[in-house]
Amino acid sequence: MISPLAYIHPEAIIGENVEVGPFTFIDKNVVIGDNNVIMSNVNILYGSRIGNGNQIFPGAVIGAVPQDLKFKGEETTAEIGNNNTIRENVTINRGTAAKGRTIVGSNNLLMEGVHVAHDALIGSGCIIGNSTKMAGEIIIDDNAIISANVLMHQFCRVGGYVMIQGGCRFSKDIPPFIIAGREPIAYSGINIVGLRRRGFSNELIENIHNAYRVIYNSGKNVTEALEQVKQEIPTSPEIEYIISFIENSQRGIIR
C-alpha cells in the first residue's frame, strides 16, 4: 500500500489501510488517519493532521508554512477532516499565531489549483472550483459552492448554502442562502435550486426570499432592515442565521 519510492519520516503517524504513491513526501509531526489514498508527488508537511477516507491527488501540498511575513516558526497545524477530495496542485497552508491552525472540514471537494491560506476555516460539504484562491483567516460555512477562479479577500466570510459565480472577487461578506455574481459582485437572488436540492420546504424558501427582499430592496439601512425582518418574517433557525450573520459581519455584506 506504500510505495517504496515514497519518503515517510519515521516519526510520522500513519493509520491503517493507507495508500501512498511514489515520490510522495510525508514529514515528521504528521498524523494521518485510516483509509486515505495519497497519490504520487504529494507533499504532506510538518504540522499536518489528516482524518479518514480522504483522496489526495498528485501535486497537492498540505501544511506548508504560511505566506505571511509575521510567521516566525510557531507551532501550528493544518487540519483536514474526513472524506475530502483534494485534487491536483491544491495548497493548504498551516496556521499562524493568529489562530494556530487552518481547518478544512469533511466531505469537501477542492478542485485543481485551489489555495487555502493560513488560519482559514472551511466547513463541511463545500465545493470549491478550480484555481479559487482564499486569503488568510477567511471563513466558509457548510454547504457553500464557490465556482472557479474566485478571489476571496482576507478576513471575509461566506455563508452556508451560497452559490458564487466563477471569476468573482470580493472583499465583503456573502450572507447565507444566496447567489452572488456579476462584476462588481452583488446579490443576485437566493439559491433556490440549491435549497430545494437540500430539502428546504417551499414555505421556508419563501421566508428566506422575503427576508432578503427587505434587506436588499426596501431602501432601508442594514440595521433598519434587520429590525423589519425580525418583526415581519416568521422566525426559524435559518432566519436567525441570516440575522446573526449580518449583525456580526466585520466587513459588511456585499451590495
Protein backbone atom coordinates (compact mmCIF):
# COMPACT_ATOMS: atom_id res chain seq x y z
CA MET A 1 0.00 0.00 0.00
CA ILE A 2 3.01 2.30 0.47
CA SER A 3 5.31 2.76 -2.49
CA PRO A 4 9.00 2.09 -1.80
CA LEU A 5 9.67 5.32 -3.71
CA ALA A 6 7.76 7.41 -1.14
CA TYR A 7 9.52 9.04 1.83
CA ILE A 8 7.78 8.83 5.21
CA HIS A 9 9.53 10.31 8.24
CA PRO A 10 9.91 7.70 10.99
CA GLU A 11 8.08 9.98 13.44
CA ALA A 12 5.03 10.38 11.20
CA ILE A 13 1.92 8.52 12.36
CA ILE A 14 0.07 6.67 9.61
CA GLY A 15 -3.24 4.86 10.13
CA GLU A 16 -4.48 1.60 8.68
CA ASN A 17 -5.23 0.87 5.03
CA VAL A 18 -3.45 3.97 3.72
CA GLU A 19 -2.15 4.07 0.15
CA VAL A 20 0.89 6.26 -0.53
CA GLY A 21 2.09 6.74 -4.11
CA PRO A 22 5.65 7.12 -5.39
CA PHE A 23 7.64 10.30 -4.81
CA THR A 24 5.29 11.44 -2.05
CA PHE A 25 6.93 13.14 0.95
CA ILE A 26 5.43 12.84 4.46
CA ASP A 27 7.22 14.92 7.08
CA LYS A 28 7.65 14.49 10.82
CA ASN A 29 4.91 15.77 13.15
CA VAL A 30 2.28 14.50 10.70
CA VAL A 31 -0.74 12.41 11.69
CA ILE A 32 -2.75 10.61 9.00
CA GLY A 33 -5.85 8.56 9.77
CA ASP A 34 -7.25 5.41 8.19
CA ASN A 35 -8.34 4.57 4.64
CA ASN A 36 -6.69 7.50 2.91
CA VAL A 37 -5.46 7.43 -0.69
CA ILE A 38 -2.42 9.68 -1.13
CA MET A 39 -1.28 9.64 -4.73
CA SER A 40 2.14 10.37 -6.23
CA ASN A 41 4.12 13.57 -5.77
CA VAL A 42 2.13 14.80 -2.76
CA ASN A 43 3.85 16.78 0.00
CA ILE A 44 2.36 16.47 3.49
CA LEU A 45 4.47 18.71 5.66
CA TYR A 46 5.17 19.39 9.32
CA GLY A 47 2.06 20.05 11.38
CA SER A 48 -0.45 18.34 9.10
CA ARG A 49 -3.38 16.44 10.60
CA ILE A 50 -5.48 14.37 8.19
CA GLY A 51 -8.57 12.38 9.12
CA ASN A 52 -10.03 9.28 7.47
CA GLY A 53 -11.14 8.40 3.98
CA ASN A 54 -9.59 11.28 2.08
CA GLN A 55 -8.33 11.22 -1.52
CA ILE A 56 -5.34 13.46 -2.20
CA PHE A 57 -4.30 13.84 -5.83
CA PRO A 58 -0.83 14.42 -7.32
CA GLY A 59 0.93 17.70 -6.66
CA ALA A 60 -1.05 18.68 -3.57
CA VAL A 61 0.92 20.41 -0.79
CA ILE A 62 -0.55 20.30 2.71
CA GLY A 63 0.93 22.01 5.75
CA ALA A 64 3.42 24.35 4.09
CA VAL A 65 4.41 27.35 6.19
CA PRO A 66 2.14 30.38 5.78
CA GLN A 67 2.77 33.02 3.15
CA ASP A 68 2.70 35.60 5.92
CA LEU A 69 5.74 37.67 6.91
CA LYS A 70 4.51 37.74 10.52
CA PHE A 71 5.02 33.97 10.79
CA LYS A 72 8.04 33.24 12.99
CA GLY A 73 8.07 29.45 13.01
CA GLU A 74 5.49 28.95 15.76
CA GLU A 75 3.94 25.51 16.29
CA THR A 76 0.76 25.46 14.21
CA THR A 77 -1.27 22.92 12.25
CA ALA A 78 -3.19 22.31 9.04
CA GLU A 79 -6.15 20.09 9.91
CA ILE A 80 -8.26 18.19 7.39
CA GLY A 81 -11.33 16.16 8.32
CA ASN A 82 -12.81 13.05 6.70
CA ASN A 83 -13.87 12.02 3.21
CA ASN A 84 -12.48 15.03 1.37
CA THR A 85 -11.37 15.00 -2.25
CA ILE A 86 -8.32 17.23 -2.69
CA ARG A 87 -7.45 17.48 -6.36
CA GLU A 88 -4.19 18.21 -8.19
CA ASN A 89 -1.96 21.06 -7.01
CA VAL A 90 -4.16 22.15 -4.11
CA THR A 91 -2.19 24.03 -1.43
CA ILE A 92 -3.31 24.22 2.19
CA ASN A 93 -1.01 26.26 4.45
CA ARG A 94 -0.85 25.79 8.19
CA GLY A 95 -1.85 28.45 10.69
CA THR A 96 -0.03 31.33 12.35
CA ALA A 97 -0.08 32.73 15.86
CA ALA A 98 -3.36 34.46 14.92
CA LYS A 99 -5.45 31.28 15.24
CA GLY A 100 -2.92 28.48 15.36
CA ARG A 101 -4.49 26.26 12.76
CA THR A 102 -6.00 26.07 9.31
CA ILE A 103 -9.07 23.84 9.15
CA VAL A 104 -10.79 22.06 6.29
CA GLY A 105 -13.84 20.10 7.48
CA SER A 106 -15.28 16.91 5.98
CA ASN A 107 -16.94 15.85 2.73
CA ASN A 108 -15.50 18.73 0.71
CA LEU A 109 -14.33 18.82 -2.89
CA LEU A 110 -11.37 21.13 -3.51
CA MET A 111 -10.74 21.20 -7.24
CA GLU A 112 -7.43 21.66 -9.04
CA GLY A 113 -5.26 24.59 -8.02
CA VAL A 114 -7.27 25.75 -5.01
CA HIS A 115 -5.27 27.69 -2.41
CA VAL A 116 -6.29 27.73 1.26
CA ALA A 117 -4.22 30.28 3.17
CA HIS A 118 -3.20 30.39 6.82
CA ASP A 119 -5.82 30.27 9.58
CA ALA A 120 -8.67 29.70 7.13
CA LEU A 121 -11.74 27.82 8.34
CA ILE A 122 -13.64 25.84 5.70
CA GLY A 123 -16.70 23.95 6.87
CA SER A 124 -18.10 20.69 5.53
CA GLY A 125 -19.97 19.76 2.38
CA CYS A 126 -18.40 22.56 0.32
CA ILE A 127 -17.42 22.54 -3.35
CA ILE A 128 -14.61 24.91 -4.33
CA GLY A 129 -13.83 25.31 -8.02
CA ASN A 130 -10.58 25.23 -9.96
CA SER A 131 -7.95 27.87 -9.14
CA THR A 132 -10.03 29.63 -6.49
CA LYS A 133 -7.79 31.44 -4.01
CA MET A 134 -8.69 32.08 -0.38
CA ALA A 135 -6.64 34.52 1.68
CA GLY A 136 -5.76 34.29 5.36
CA GLU A 137 -8.33 33.94 8.14
CA ILE A 138 -11.33 33.55 5.85
CA ILE A 139 -14.38 31.52 6.90
CA ILE A 140 -16.58 29.42 4.63
CA ASP A 141 -19.66 27.95 6.26
CA ASP A 142 -21.06 24.49 5.46
CA ASN A 143 -22.50 23.54 2.07
CA ALA A 144 -21.22 26.54 0.15
CA ILE A 145 -20.46 26.25 -3.56
CA ILE A 146 -17.72 28.53 -4.86
CA SER A 147 -17.08 28.37 -8.60
CA ALA A 148 -13.74 28.55 -10.41
CA ASN A 149 -11.25 31.44 -10.34
CA VAL A 150 -12.81 33.22 -7.37
CA LEU A 151 -10.62 35.56 -5.31
CA MET A 152 -11.55 35.87 -1.64
CA HIS A 153 -10.06 38.72 0.43
CA GLN A 154 -8.59 38.02 3.86
CA PHE A 155 -10.97 38.01 6.85
CA CYS A 156 -14.05 37.56 4.63
CA ARG A 157 -16.81 35.12 5.46
CA VAL A 158 -19.06 33.16 3.10
CA GLY A 159 -22.38 31.91 4.43
CA GLY A 160 -23.78 28.42 4.06
CA TYR A 161 -25.69 27.21 1.00
CA VAL A 162 -24.45 30.03 -1.23
CA MET A 163 -23.53 29.82 -4.89
CA ILE A 164 -20.75 32.17 -6.04
CA GLN A 165 -20.32 32.75 -9.76
CA GLY A 166 -16.98 31.93 -11.37
CA GLY A 167 -14.43 34.68 -11.77
CA CYS A 168 -15.77 36.83 -8.92
CA ARG A 169 -13.62 38.73 -6.47
CA PHE A 170 -14.87 40.17 -3.22
CA SER A 171 -13.73 41.88 -0.05
CA LYS A 172 -17.02 41.84 1.85
CA ASP A 173 -19.00 39.03 3.42
CA ILE A 174 -21.52 36.97 1.44
CA PRO A 175 -24.58 36.10 3.55
CA PRO A 176 -26.14 32.61 3.51
CA PHE A 177 -28.59 31.06 1.03
CA ILE A 178 -27.92 33.48 -1.84
CA ILE A 179 -26.41 33.59 -5.30
CA ALA A 180 -23.59 36.13 -5.69
CA GLY A 181 -22.28 37.17 -9.07
CA ARG A 182 -21.62 39.89 -11.65
CA GLU A 183 -18.79 42.46 -11.63
CA PRO A 184 -18.59 44.08 -9.18
CA ILE A 185 -20.02 41.23 -7.16
CA ALA A 186 -23.58 41.70 -5.92
CA TYR A 187 -26.59 39.89 -4.51
CA SER A 188 -28.27 38.08 -7.42
CA GLY A 189 -31.19 36.36 -5.68
CA ILE A 190 -31.46 33.37 -3.41
CA ASN A 191 -30.07 29.95 -4.27
CA ILE A 192 -33.49 28.40 -4.92
CA VAL A 193 -32.23 25.34 -6.81
CA GLY A 194 -29.60 24.58 -4.19
CA LEU A 195 -32.07 24.98 -1.32
CA ARG A 196 -34.62 22.68 -2.96
CA ARG A 197 -31.92 20.06 -3.53
CA ARG A 198 -31.07 20.28 0.17
CA GLY A 199 -34.69 19.64 1.16
CA PHE A 200 -35.76 23.16 2.16
CA SER A 201 -39.56 23.48 2.08
CA ASN A 202 -41.28 25.95 -0.25
CA GLU A 203 -42.52 27.90 2.78
CA LEU A 204 -39.03 28.22 4.23
CA ILE A 205 -37.58 29.24 0.86
CA GLU A 206 -40.27 31.93 0.55
CA ASN A 207 -39.45 33.23 4.04
CA ILE A 208 -35.75 33.42 3.16
CA HIS A 209 -36.65 35.20 -0.08
CA ASN A 210 -38.84 37.69 1.77
CA ALA A 211 -36.09 38.37 4.30
CA TYR A 212 -33.65 39.28 1.52
CA ARG A 213 -36.27 41.41 -0.22
CA VAL A 214 -36.34 43.53 2.93
CA ILE A 215 -32.55 43.54 3.36
CA TYR A 216 -31.69 44.41 -0.23
CA ASN A 217 -34.75 46.06 -1.75
CA SER A 218 -36.51 48.02 0.99
CA GLY A 219 -34.27 51.08 0.71
CA LYS A 220 -33.53 50.91 4.43
CA ASN A 221 -30.10 50.70 6.00
CA VAL A 222 -28.98 47.30 7.25
CA THR A 223 -29.94 47.91 10.89
CA GLU A 224 -33.44 49.07 9.99
CA ALA A 225 -33.89 46.24 7.50
CA LEU A 226 -32.92 43.60 10.06
CA GLU A 227 -35.40 45.05 12.55
CA GLN A 228 -38.11 44.75 9.92
CA VAL A 229 -37.10 41.15 9.22
CA LYS A 230 -37.34 40.34 12.93
CA GLN A 231 -40.84 41.82 13.10
CA GLU A 232 -42.32 40.55 9.83
CA ILE A 233 -40.67 37.23 8.87
CA PRO A 234 -41.62 34.06 10.79
CA THR A 235 -38.69 33.03 12.93
CA SER A 236 -36.72 29.86 12.22
CA PRO A 237 -33.10 28.75 12.62
CA GLU A 238 -32.46 29.81 9.02
CA ILE A 239 -33.85 33.32 9.51
CA GLU A 240 -31.93 33.64 12.77
CA TYR A 241 -28.78 32.54 10.92
CA ILE A 242 -29.25 35.31 8.33
CA ILE A 243 -29.78 37.93 11.04
CA SER A 244 -26.85 36.77 13.16
CA PHE A 245 -24.54 36.52 10.14
CA ILE A 246 -25.23 40.10 9.06
CA GLU A 247 -25.23 41.58 12.56
CA ASN A 248 -21.84 40.02 13.26
CA SER A 249 -20.26 40.80 9.90
CA GLN A 250 -16.95 42.55 10.43
CA ARG A 251 -16.51 43.69 6.84
CA GLY A 252 -20.12 44.33 5.88
CA ILE A 253 -22.07 42.36 3.29
CA ILE A 254 -21.94 42.60 -0.49
CA ARG A 255 -24.23 45.18 -2.10
